[in-house]
Amino acid sequence: MKVRTSQSQRFLRSPVNLAIISILASAHSAHGQTQPEPAVTTLPEVVVTATKRTTSLQKTPVAVTSISAAELDKARVQTVADLAYLVPSFAGTTQGDHGVITMTLRGIGNDSAKTEYADPEIAIFVDGIYSPRAEGAAALLFDMESIEVLRGPQGTLWGRNSTVGAVNMQTAKPVFKELFGALEGVLGNYNRAGMRGSFNVPISDTVAMRFAFAKEQHDGYVDFQTPTRYTVPQQQTAYVAGGGTLATFQPINYNDFVTGGQKYNAQNQSAARVSLAWKPMPGMSWNISYEKFPDRGTPNMDLMQNPRPGQNLWSALIDTAPYLKRDADTIRSRVDYALSDSLALSYVAGYSHFTGSGTFDQDRGIQIPTSFSTGATYQEDRTNWSKYTDYSHEVAVQSTGKRDIDWILGAYYAAEDNGIRFDIPIINGTQQAPSVGKARSFSRKKLSKQPQSLGR
C-alpha cells in the first residue's frame, strides 16, 4: 500500500526548510521576551600632566604616549632605551664612546648631546625638573610612577631644548599612613645580576618617607679578537711602500692590543633615591628627594657586520681598553599650595652635579696594521675629565577647576656650569707611530631665563 505525501509534508522534510522554520520560531520566541541590555565596557581614564596640569589623556591637545608604572613593570623597562618598544617614533641608544643615551624622536635628534658640548633636542624632565644629562632616574629607570613622551615642539610649556619633544618622568612619591615595600631580583648569563626595591614608611599623619634603589650589572660580551701577525719582512715591505725607510723601521708591538680584562658592553650601574613628603597645612604639600647614581660599566662597542674569518660575531680588534666612571647627585624639590578653589601656586627647584671620565676605541679595529705606521689608523676617544653643575627654579600660578579658559603663568630661571677635557689622539698604523691629529673640547658656562605662559 502506498502512502501519499502531501506538499506540506514534503516541505517540512527538507533540511533547509526546517532550519528556516527553526530560526523564525526562535525569533518569534525572543520577540516576546525582554531583551537584556548590552554590556558596556568602560575604559579606565588615563590622567596625564603633559600640559603641566592634571588632565584626561582624551582631552589633552598634545601627541603624547603615557605609560603607567604597571605597564613599565610588565614590559620590563629598565632604561630610557627600553621605551623604544612602547613609544612610536621614539628611539634611544647607548651606542658611542660615552655610554650616554642618545635619543631621537620622529627621526630627529642631536648626536653631539652625548657630551657636555651640546644639549639634547629631546628634553628629559624628572618630576618637572629639566635633566640636562641622562643620568640617575633618566638612565636607570626605577620606582617610577609614570612616563609621558610628548612628540613635537614643546617649548611653550616645557621650554629648554624641547624642539623635537619632551620626556616627562614622574617618580613614585611617599604615601601617607601606609607601610609597605617591594623587592625583586634577577640572575642571568654573563654574570647578570640585578635587584630593585622600594620601601614606604609613614612617620606621622602628615609626613612620609620612601626609599628606592636599583642595581644592574653584567659582564661585557664583546670578545677580544686576535690580531693578524705579519712577519718582520712583510712589515718592512709595507712600511717602505708607505714611504718609510729601513733605517726608521720598527716591528709592531702586538702587546699593545688588548686581549684581557674588562670587555666592552658591560653594565655596572647603581642608583638610590630617598624621598620625603610633608603636608604642613591644609592645601600645601612639599616633596623633596635626593638621588645618587654611580656608573662603573664600559662603553658600547660597534661591531663589524661581517666578522673576520675565525673570529666570533660579537668580537672586535681592541687596542684601547674600555673604561667608564660616572657619578651623578641630584636634589629635586616641589612645593604646591592652593591659594583658593580656582588658583594654585607651585615652586619647583632642582640641583644636579655630574662628573665622569672614560676611554673608548674609536677606530673599532676595523683595519689591521701592516706595519707600525701603515695599514690602519689608531684613534682613541679619551674623556680625561668632565663635570656638570646645573640648578633651576620655576614659579608658576595657574587656574584650577572647570572653567572656560585654562591659564598658567610662570617664570623660569636656570644656570649651568660645565666643562670637559676630551682628547682624540689619531695615529697612522699603531700607537707606536707619531701622532697626526688631536682634538680637544672646551669648558662653557650658560645661563638661561625663560618666562612661561599658556592660554587655551
Protein backbone atom coordinates (compact mmCIF):
# COMPACT_ATOMS: atom_id res chain seq x y z
CA MET A 1 0.00 0.00 0.00
CA LYS A 2 1.32 3.40 -0.91
CA VAL A 3 1.11 6.40 1.41
CA ARG A 4 0.58 9.65 -0.38
CA THR A 5 2.73 12.51 0.88
CA SER A 6 1.23 15.93 0.83
CA GLN A 7 3.10 19.03 -0.39
CA SER A 8 3.26 20.46 3.13
CA GLN A 9 4.84 17.28 4.49
CA ARG A 10 7.46 17.35 1.78
CA PHE A 11 8.24 20.99 2.71
CA LEU A 12 8.80 20.08 6.38
CA ARG A 13 11.12 17.19 5.50
CA SER A 14 13.58 19.49 3.68
CA PRO A 15 16.65 20.26 5.93
CA VAL A 16 16.93 23.80 4.63
CA ASN A 17 13.26 24.50 5.24
CA LEU A 18 13.46 23.04 8.74
CA ALA A 19 16.37 25.39 9.52
CA ILE A 20 14.38 28.39 8.30
CA ILE A 21 11.41 27.40 10.45
CA SER A 22 13.67 26.97 13.49
CA ILE A 23 15.18 30.45 13.05
CA LEU A 24 11.75 32.03 12.65
CA ALA A 25 10.48 30.26 15.74
CA SER A 26 13.45 31.45 17.77
CA ALA A 27 12.95 35.00 16.58
CA HIS A 28 9.25 34.86 17.48
CA SER A 29 10.06 33.48 20.93
CA ALA A 30 12.69 36.14 21.56
CA HIS A 31 10.28 38.88 20.45
CA GLY A 32 8.01 38.04 23.33
CA GLN A 33 10.77 38.29 25.89
CA THR A 34 12.51 41.33 27.38
CA GLN A 35 15.87 41.88 25.67
CA PRO A 36 18.81 42.26 28.13
CA GLU A 37 20.79 45.47 27.98
CA PRO A 38 24.12 45.06 26.13
CA ALA A 39 27.21 45.11 28.37
CA VAL A 40 29.04 48.41 28.34
CA THR A 41 32.82 48.29 28.68
CA THR A 42 34.28 51.40 30.26
CA LEU A 43 37.95 52.07 29.66
CA PRO A 44 39.90 53.37 32.65
CA GLU A 45 40.67 57.07 32.47
CA VAL A 46 44.30 57.91 31.77
CA VAL A 47 45.43 61.05 33.56
CA VAL A 48 48.49 62.96 32.30
CA THR A 49 50.38 66.14 33.16
CA ALA A 50 51.56 66.94 29.62
CA THR A 51 50.16 70.48 29.88
CA LYS A 52 51.55 70.96 33.40
CA ARG A 53 48.10 70.34 34.85
CA THR A 54 46.24 67.14 35.58
CA THR A 55 44.01 66.34 32.60
CA SER A 56 42.43 63.34 30.92
CA LEU A 57 44.51 61.96 28.06
CA GLN A 58 41.50 62.07 25.72
CA LYS A 59 41.07 65.80 26.37
CA THR A 60 44.76 66.73 26.15
CA PRO A 61 45.66 68.53 22.89
CA VAL A 62 49.16 67.04 22.68
CA ALA A 63 50.56 63.99 20.86
CA VAL A 64 51.54 62.07 23.98
CA THR A 65 52.15 58.44 24.91
CA SER A 66 51.51 57.75 28.60
CA ILE A 67 52.98 54.68 30.30
CA SER A 68 51.94 53.74 33.83
CA ALA A 69 54.07 52.06 36.46
CA ALA A 70 52.25 48.76 35.89
CA GLU A 71 52.97 48.90 32.15
CA LEU A 72 56.63 49.70 32.82
CA ASP A 73 56.95 46.67 35.08
CA LYS A 74 55.08 44.41 32.66
CA ALA A 75 57.37 45.41 29.77
CA ARG A 76 60.47 45.11 31.97
CA VAL A 77 61.54 48.67 31.14
CA GLN A 78 64.84 49.39 32.87
CA THR A 79 66.41 52.19 30.84
CA VAL A 80 65.27 55.03 28.60
CA ALA A 81 66.38 52.95 25.61
CA ASP A 82 63.74 50.34 26.52
CA LEU A 83 60.99 52.91 25.94
CA ALA A 84 61.53 52.48 22.20
CA TYR A 85 59.47 49.27 22.39
CA LEU A 86 56.47 51.14 23.83
CA VAL A 87 56.57 54.59 22.24
CA PRO A 88 56.01 55.05 18.49
CA SER A 89 58.69 57.03 16.59
CA PHE A 90 60.97 57.11 19.66
CA ALA A 91 64.46 55.60 19.76
CA GLY A 92 67.19 55.63 22.37
CA THR A 93 70.61 54.04 22.10
CA THR A 94 73.76 53.93 24.19
CA GLN A 95 75.99 53.32 21.20
CA GLY A 96 79.06 55.51 21.48
CA ASP A 97 82.17 56.41 23.37
CA HIS A 98 80.48 57.89 26.43
CA GLY A 99 77.86 55.27 27.13
CA VAL A 100 75.35 58.12 27.33
CA ILE A 101 71.86 57.62 25.92
CA THR A 102 71.26 59.37 22.60
CA MET A 103 67.56 59.92 21.84
CA THR A 104 65.69 60.59 18.62
CA LEU A 105 62.01 61.32 18.10
CA ARG A 106 60.37 61.18 14.69
CA GLY A 107 63.86 60.55 13.32
CA ILE A 108 65.33 63.78 14.73
CA GLY A 109 67.95 64.10 17.45
CA ASN A 110 71.32 65.57 18.36
CA ASP A 111 74.27 63.20 18.30
CA SER A 112 76.52 65.82 19.95
CA ALA A 113 74.36 65.67 23.08
CA LYS A 114 76.32 62.65 24.29
CA THR A 115 78.92 65.08 25.67
CA GLU A 116 78.75 68.32 27.64
CA TYR A 117 79.42 70.06 24.32
CA ALA A 118 75.74 70.25 23.39
CA ASP A 119 72.27 69.73 24.78
CA PRO A 120 69.73 67.19 23.52
CA GLU A 121 66.80 68.26 21.36
CA ILE A 122 64.53 65.91 23.31
CA ALA A 123 64.27 67.32 26.80
CA ILE A 124 64.06 64.99 29.79
CA PHE A 125 62.17 66.20 32.85
CA VAL A 126 62.11 64.27 36.11
CA ASP A 127 59.39 65.47 38.50
CA GLY A 128 59.11 68.62 36.43
CA ILE A 129 62.84 69.42 36.60
CA TYR A 130 64.98 69.55 33.48
CA SER A 131 67.70 66.88 33.39
CA PRO A 132 70.50 68.04 31.04
CA ARG A 133 72.35 64.72 31.34
CA ALA A 134 70.53 61.41 31.07
CA GLU A 135 71.81 60.09 34.39
CA GLY A 136 70.18 58.73 37.53
CA ALA A 137 66.46 58.16 37.14
CA ALA A 138 66.73 59.11 33.48
CA ALA A 139 69.37 56.45 32.73
CA LEU A 140 68.38 53.64 35.10
CA LEU A 141 64.61 53.79 35.47
CA PHE A 142 63.47 52.65 38.90
CA ASP A 143 60.46 53.21 41.16
CA MET A 144 58.63 55.30 38.57
CA GLU A 145 55.02 56.46 38.79
CA SER A 146 54.57 57.20 35.10
CA ILE A 147 56.37 58.31 31.95
CA GLU A 148 54.92 60.57 29.29
CA VAL A 149 56.58 61.06 25.89
CA LEU A 150 55.42 64.23 24.14
CA ARG A 151 56.01 64.40 20.39
CA GLY A 152 56.56 67.65 18.57
CA PRO A 153 57.86 71.06 19.75
CA GLN A 154 57.05 71.65 23.42
CA GLY A 155 58.78 74.98 24.00
CA THR A 156 55.65 76.87 25.06
CA LEU A 157 55.29 74.97 28.31
CA TRP A 158 58.38 72.83 28.77
CA GLY A 159 60.94 75.29 27.45
CA ARG A 160 64.55 74.23 27.27
CA ASN A 161 65.73 72.10 24.39
CA SER A 162 62.34 70.56 23.61
CA THR A 163 62.25 71.47 19.93
CA VAL A 164 61.59 67.83 18.97
CA GLY A 165 59.75 66.61 22.04
CA ALA A 166 59.92 66.02 25.76
CA VAL A 167 60.00 63.06 28.13
CA ASN A 168 58.13 63.76 31.36
CA MET A 169 59.01 61.30 34.12
CA GLN A 170 57.29 61.13 37.47
CA THR A 171 58.94 59.20 40.28
CA ALA A 172 56.85 57.40 42.88
CA LYS A 173 56.07 59.68 45.82
CA PRO A 174 55.80 58.75 49.51
CA VAL A 175 52.34 57.66 50.66
CA PHE A 176 50.92 58.87 53.97
CA LYS A 177 49.74 56.47 56.68
CA GLU A 178 50.86 53.32 54.83
CA LEU A 179 53.75 50.94 55.45
CA PHE A 180 54.73 48.72 52.52
CA GLY A 181 57.63 47.65 50.37
CA ALA A 182 58.67 45.56 47.38
CA LEU A 183 61.82 43.71 46.40
CA GLU A 184 62.78 41.80 43.26
CA GLY A 185 65.92 40.26 41.82
CA VAL A 186 67.15 38.65 38.60
CA LEU A 187 70.04 36.42 37.52
CA GLY A 188 71.25 35.62 34.01
CA ASN A 189 74.15 34.75 31.77
CA TYR A 190 77.31 36.86 31.54
CA ASN A 191 77.10 37.03 35.34
CA ARG A 192 73.93 39.08 35.07
CA ALA A 193 72.61 40.17 38.46
CA GLY A 194 70.02 42.77 39.27
CA MET A 195 67.99 43.91 42.25
CA ARG A 196 65.37 46.58 42.76
CA GLY A 197 63.35 47.61 45.76
CA SER A 198 61.24 50.32 47.32
CA PHE A 199 60.01 50.91 50.86
CA ASN A 200 57.42 53.39 52.10
CA VAL A 201 57.50 54.44 55.77
CA PRO A 202 54.89 56.73 57.39
CA ILE A 203 56.43 58.98 60.02
CA SER A 204 53.25 60.79 61.08
CA ASP A 205 49.87 61.66 59.65
CA THR A 206 51.46 64.45 57.60
CA VAL A 207 54.98 63.12 56.96
CA ALA A 208 56.06 60.08 54.96
CA MET A 209 59.36 58.80 53.57
CA ARG A 210 60.16 56.50 50.67
CA PHE A 211 63.43 54.76 49.84
CA ALA A 212 64.13 53.13 46.47
CA PHE A 213 67.19 51.56 44.89
CA ALA A 214 68.30 49.66 41.80
CA LYS A 215 71.39 47.66 40.88
CA GLU A 216 72.04 46.25 37.40
CA GLN A 217 75.23 44.56 36.27
CA HIS A 218 76.56 42.05 33.75
CA ASP A 219 79.92 41.29 32.16
CA GLY A 220 80.87 42.64 28.76
CA TYR A 221 80.17 40.35 25.83
CA VAL A 222 82.38 41.78 23.06
CA ASP A 223 85.25 39.30 22.84
CA PHE A 224 88.80 40.32 22.01
CA GLN A 225 89.97 39.39 18.53
CA THR A 226 93.47 38.05 17.92
CA PRO A 227 95.37 40.43 15.62
CA THR A 228 96.82 39.14 12.36
CA ARG A 229 100.57 38.80 12.89
CA TYR A 230 102.76 39.77 9.96
CA THR A 231 106.37 38.69 9.73
CA VAL A 232 109.10 41.32 10.02
CA PRO A 233 109.90 41.15 6.26
CA GLN A 234 106.19 41.65 5.46
CA GLN A 235 106.06 44.66 7.78
CA GLN A 236 109.22 46.12 6.25
CA THR A 237 107.80 45.79 2.74
CA ALA A 238 104.57 47.57 3.78
CA TYR A 239 106.50 50.28 5.63
CA VAL A 240 108.80 51.04 2.69
CA ALA A 241 105.80 51.03 0.32
CA GLY A 242 104.22 53.64 2.57
CA GLY A 243 107.20 55.99 2.21
CA GLY A 244 109.39 54.86 5.10
CA THR A 245 112.98 53.66 5.17
CA LEU A 246 114.52 50.62 6.74
CA ALA A 247 116.61 52.90 8.97
CA THR A 248 113.49 54.12 10.77
CA PHE A 249 111.59 50.83 10.73
CA GLN A 250 110.43 49.14 13.93
CA PRO A 251 108.32 46.00 14.30
CA ILE A 252 104.75 46.05 15.58
CA ASN A 253 104.40 45.56 19.32
CA TYR A 254 101.46 43.18 19.39
CA ASN A 255 101.30 43.55 23.17
CA ASP A 256 99.56 46.89 22.54
CA PHE A 257 96.42 45.00 21.53
CA VAL A 258 94.06 44.29 24.41
CA THR A 259 93.38 40.60 24.94
CA GLY A 260 92.15 40.50 28.55
CA GLY A 261 90.46 42.43 31.30
CA GLN A 262 87.08 44.13 31.30
CA LYS A 263 85.22 43.88 27.98
CA TYR A 264 83.09 46.37 26.11
CA ASN A 265 79.29 46.41 26.61
CA ALA A 266 79.46 45.71 30.34
CA GLN A 267 76.90 47.17 32.73
CA ASN A 268 77.53 48.11 36.34
CA GLN A 269 75.05 50.77 37.38
CA SER A 270 73.55 51.60 40.75
CA ALA A 271 71.01 54.16 41.87
CA ALA A 272 69.34 55.12 45.13
CA ARG A 273 66.71 57.70 46.00
CA VAL A 274 65.25 58.89 49.29
CA SER A 275 62.08 60.98 49.15
CA LEU A 276 60.21 62.95 51.80
CA ALA A 277 56.62 64.19 51.61
CA TRP A 278 55.19 66.71 54.07
CA LYS A 279 51.85 68.44 54.40
CA PRO A 280 52.49 71.30 56.83
CA MET A 281 48.98 72.73 56.44
CA PRO A 282 45.77 72.10 54.50
CA GLY A 283 46.20 72.87 50.84
CA MET A 284 50.00 72.78 50.96
CA SER A 285 52.38 69.90 50.17
CA TRP A 286 56.15 69.59 49.82
CA ASN A 287 58.01 66.76 48.10
CA ILE A 288 61.81 66.64 48.18
CA SER A 289 64.19 63.89 47.09
CA TYR A 290 67.90 63.13 46.87
CA GLU A 291 69.22 60.72 44.25
CA LYS A 292 72.66 59.23 43.66
CA PHE A 293 73.80 57.40 40.52
CA PRO A 294 77.26 55.78 40.04
CA ASP A 295 78.19 54.01 36.79
CA ARG A 296 81.18 51.68 36.57
CA GLY A 297 80.35 49.80 33.38
CA THR A 298 82.03 50.14 29.98
CA PRO A 299 81.05 51.90 26.73
CA ASN A 300 79.24 50.02 23.99
CA MET A 301 81.33 48.89 21.03
CA ASP A 302 80.25 48.95 17.38
CA LEU A 303 80.75 45.62 15.64
CA MET A 304 81.61 44.63 12.08
CA GLN A 305 78.62 43.20 10.23
CA ASN A 306 80.86 40.57 8.65
CA PRO A 307 83.36 39.35 11.26
CA ARG A 308 86.84 38.32 10.26
CA PRO A 309 87.29 34.64 9.39
CA GLY A 310 87.84 32.59 12.51
CA GLN A 311 86.55 35.32 14.86
CA ASN A 312 83.29 35.43 16.78
CA LEU A 313 80.44 37.61 15.58
CA TRP A 314 80.42 39.51 18.88
CA SER A 315 84.09 40.47 18.83
CA ALA A 316 86.37 43.36 17.89
CA LEU A 317 90.07 44.04 17.47
CA ILE A 318 90.75 46.22 20.51
CA ASP A 319 93.78 48.44 21.03
CA THR A 320 92.20 50.75 23.65
CA ALA A 321 90.90 49.19 26.84
CA PRO A 322 87.36 50.25 27.83
CA TYR A 323 86.89 52.44 30.86
CA LEU A 324 83.95 54.41 32.23
CA LYS A 325 83.36 56.21 35.51
CA ARG A 326 80.35 58.46 36.02
CA ASP A 327 78.73 59.87 39.15
CA ALA A 328 75.60 61.98 39.45
CA ASP A 329 73.99 63.58 42.50
CA THR A 330 70.56 65.20 42.18
CA ILE A 331 68.20 67.08 44.51
CA ARG A 332 64.60 67.78 43.46
CA SER A 333 62.03 69.81 45.34
CA ARG A 334 58.42 70.80 44.66
CA VAL A 335 56.00 72.86 46.76
CA ASP A 336 52.31 73.12 45.85
CA TYR A 337 49.88 75.49 47.55
CA ALA A 338 46.19 76.02 46.81
CA LEU A 339 45.62 79.76 47.04
CA SER A 340 41.88 79.28 46.52
CA ASP A 341 39.44 76.89 44.90
CA SER A 342 40.37 78.27 41.48
CA LEU A 343 44.02 79.26 41.93
CA ALA A 344 47.17 77.24 42.66
CA LEU A 345 50.81 78.18 43.22
CA SER A 346 53.82 75.91 42.66
CA TYR A 347 57.55 76.27 43.17
CA VAL A 348 59.91 73.72 41.63
CA ALA A 349 63.66 73.69 42.26
CA GLY A 350 66.42 71.31 41.25
CA TYR A 351 70.15 70.81 41.56
CA SER A 352 72.40 68.25 39.88
CA HIS A 353 76.13 67.62 39.81
CA PHE A 354 77.81 65.20 37.42
CA THR A 355 81.40 64.06 36.95
CA GLY A 356 82.81 61.50 34.53
CA SER A 357 85.77 60.09 32.64
CA GLY A 358 86.38 57.24 30.22
CA THR A 359 88.22 55.75 27.25
CA PHE A 360 86.88 54.25 24.03
CA ASP A 361 88.41 52.52 20.99
CA GLN A 362 87.18 54.86 18.28
CA ASP A 363 88.88 53.06 15.37
CA ARG A 364 86.95 49.92 16.42
CA GLY A 365 89.65 47.64 15.00
CA ILE A 366 88.12 47.76 11.53
CA GLN A 367 91.55 47.71 9.87
CA ILE A 368 94.63 45.69 10.75
CA PRO A 369 98.05 47.43 10.76
CA THR A 370 100.56 46.09 8.27
CA SER A 371 103.45 47.90 9.96
CA PHE A 372 103.80 50.12 12.99
CA SER A 373 102.65 53.15 10.92
CA THR A 374 100.71 51.71 7.94
CA GLY A 375 97.61 49.68 7.13
CA ALA A 376 95.32 51.08 9.82
CA THR A 377 94.50 54.11 11.94
CA TYR A 378 94.72 54.21 15.70
CA GLN A 379 92.15 56.55 17.29
CA GLU A 380 91.23 56.81 20.95
CA ASP A 381 88.41 58.88 22.42
CA ARG A 382 89.55 59.82 25.90
CA THR A 383 87.49 61.86 28.34
CA ASN A 384 90.13 62.92 30.82
CA TRP A 385 87.51 64.61 32.94
CA SER A 386 84.06 66.10 32.64
CA LYS A 387 81.88 67.94 35.10
CA TYR A 388 78.44 69.43 35.05
CA THR A 389 76.59 71.51 37.64
CA ASP A 390 73.04 72.64 36.97
CA TYR A 391 70.34 74.26 39.05
CA SER A 392 66.94 75.71 38.20
CA HIS A 393 63.96 77.48 39.76
CA GLU A 394 60.43 77.73 38.47
CA VAL A 395 57.43 79.58 39.95
CA ALA A 396 54.01 79.17 38.37
CA VAL A 397 50.47 80.31 39.09
CA GLN A 398 47.66 78.54 37.28
CA SER A 399 43.92 78.18 37.22
CA THR A 400 42.26 75.10 38.67
CA GLY A 401 38.86 73.52 38.41
CA LYS A 402 36.45 73.65 35.50
CA ARG A 403 36.40 76.93 33.62
CA ASP A 404 36.04 78.24 30.08
CA ILE A 405 39.71 79.23 29.79
CA ASP A 406 42.61 77.43 31.48
CA TRP A 407 45.72 79.51 32.00
CA ILE A 408 49.15 79.26 33.51
CA LEU A 409 51.73 81.98 34.12
CA GLY A 410 55.24 81.35 35.36
CA ALA A 411 58.87 82.34 35.46
CA TYR A 412 61.82 80.02 34.95
CA TYR A 413 65.50 80.52 35.75
CA ALA A 414 68.30 78.05 35.12
CA ALA A 415 72.07 78.16 35.32
CA GLU A 416 74.69 75.63 34.35
CA ASP A 417 78.43 75.39 34.57
CA ASN A 418 80.06 72.57 32.68
CA GLY A 419 83.38 71.62 31.20
CA ILE A 420 85.21 68.75 29.63
CA ARG A 421 88.74 67.76 28.68
CA PHE A 422 88.27 65.47 25.70
CA ASP A 423 91.31 64.24 23.75
CA ILE A 424 91.24 62.29 20.48
CA PRO A 425 94.71 61.01 19.57
CA ILE A 426 94.81 59.99 15.90
CA ILE A 427 97.79 57.95 14.68
CA ASN A 428 98.51 56.15 11.41
CA GLY A 429 99.15 52.44 11.96
CA THR A 430 99.54 51.77 15.67
CA GLN A 431 100.07 53.92 18.75
CA GLN A 432 103.83 53.49 18.26
CA ALA A 433 103.76 55.88 15.29
CA PRO A 434 103.84 59.69 15.60
CA SER A 435 100.50 61.37 16.24
CA VAL A 436 98.88 63.02 13.22
CA GLY A 437 95.90 64.66 14.92
CA LYS A 438 94.46 65.59 18.27
CA ALA A 439 91.23 67.29 19.25
CA ARG A 440 90.07 68.87 22.48
CA SER A 441 86.75 70.15 23.66
CA PHE A 442 86.31 73.12 25.95
CA SER A 443 84.54 74.45 29.00
CA ARG A 444 81.49 76.67 28.89
CA LYS A 445 79.02 78.42 31.12
CA LYS A 446 75.41 79.10 30.34
CA LEU A 447 72.60 81.00 32.00
CA SER A 448 69.03 80.97 30.77
CA LYS A 449 65.88 82.77 31.78
CA GLN A 450 62.57 81.79 30.28
CA PRO A 451 59.06 83.02 31.16
CA GLN A 452 56.29 80.55 30.60
CA SER A 453 52.68 81.25 29.76
CA LEU A 454 49.77 79.41 28.23
CA GLY A 455 46.20 80.31 27.39
CA ARG A 456 43.74 77.89 25.87
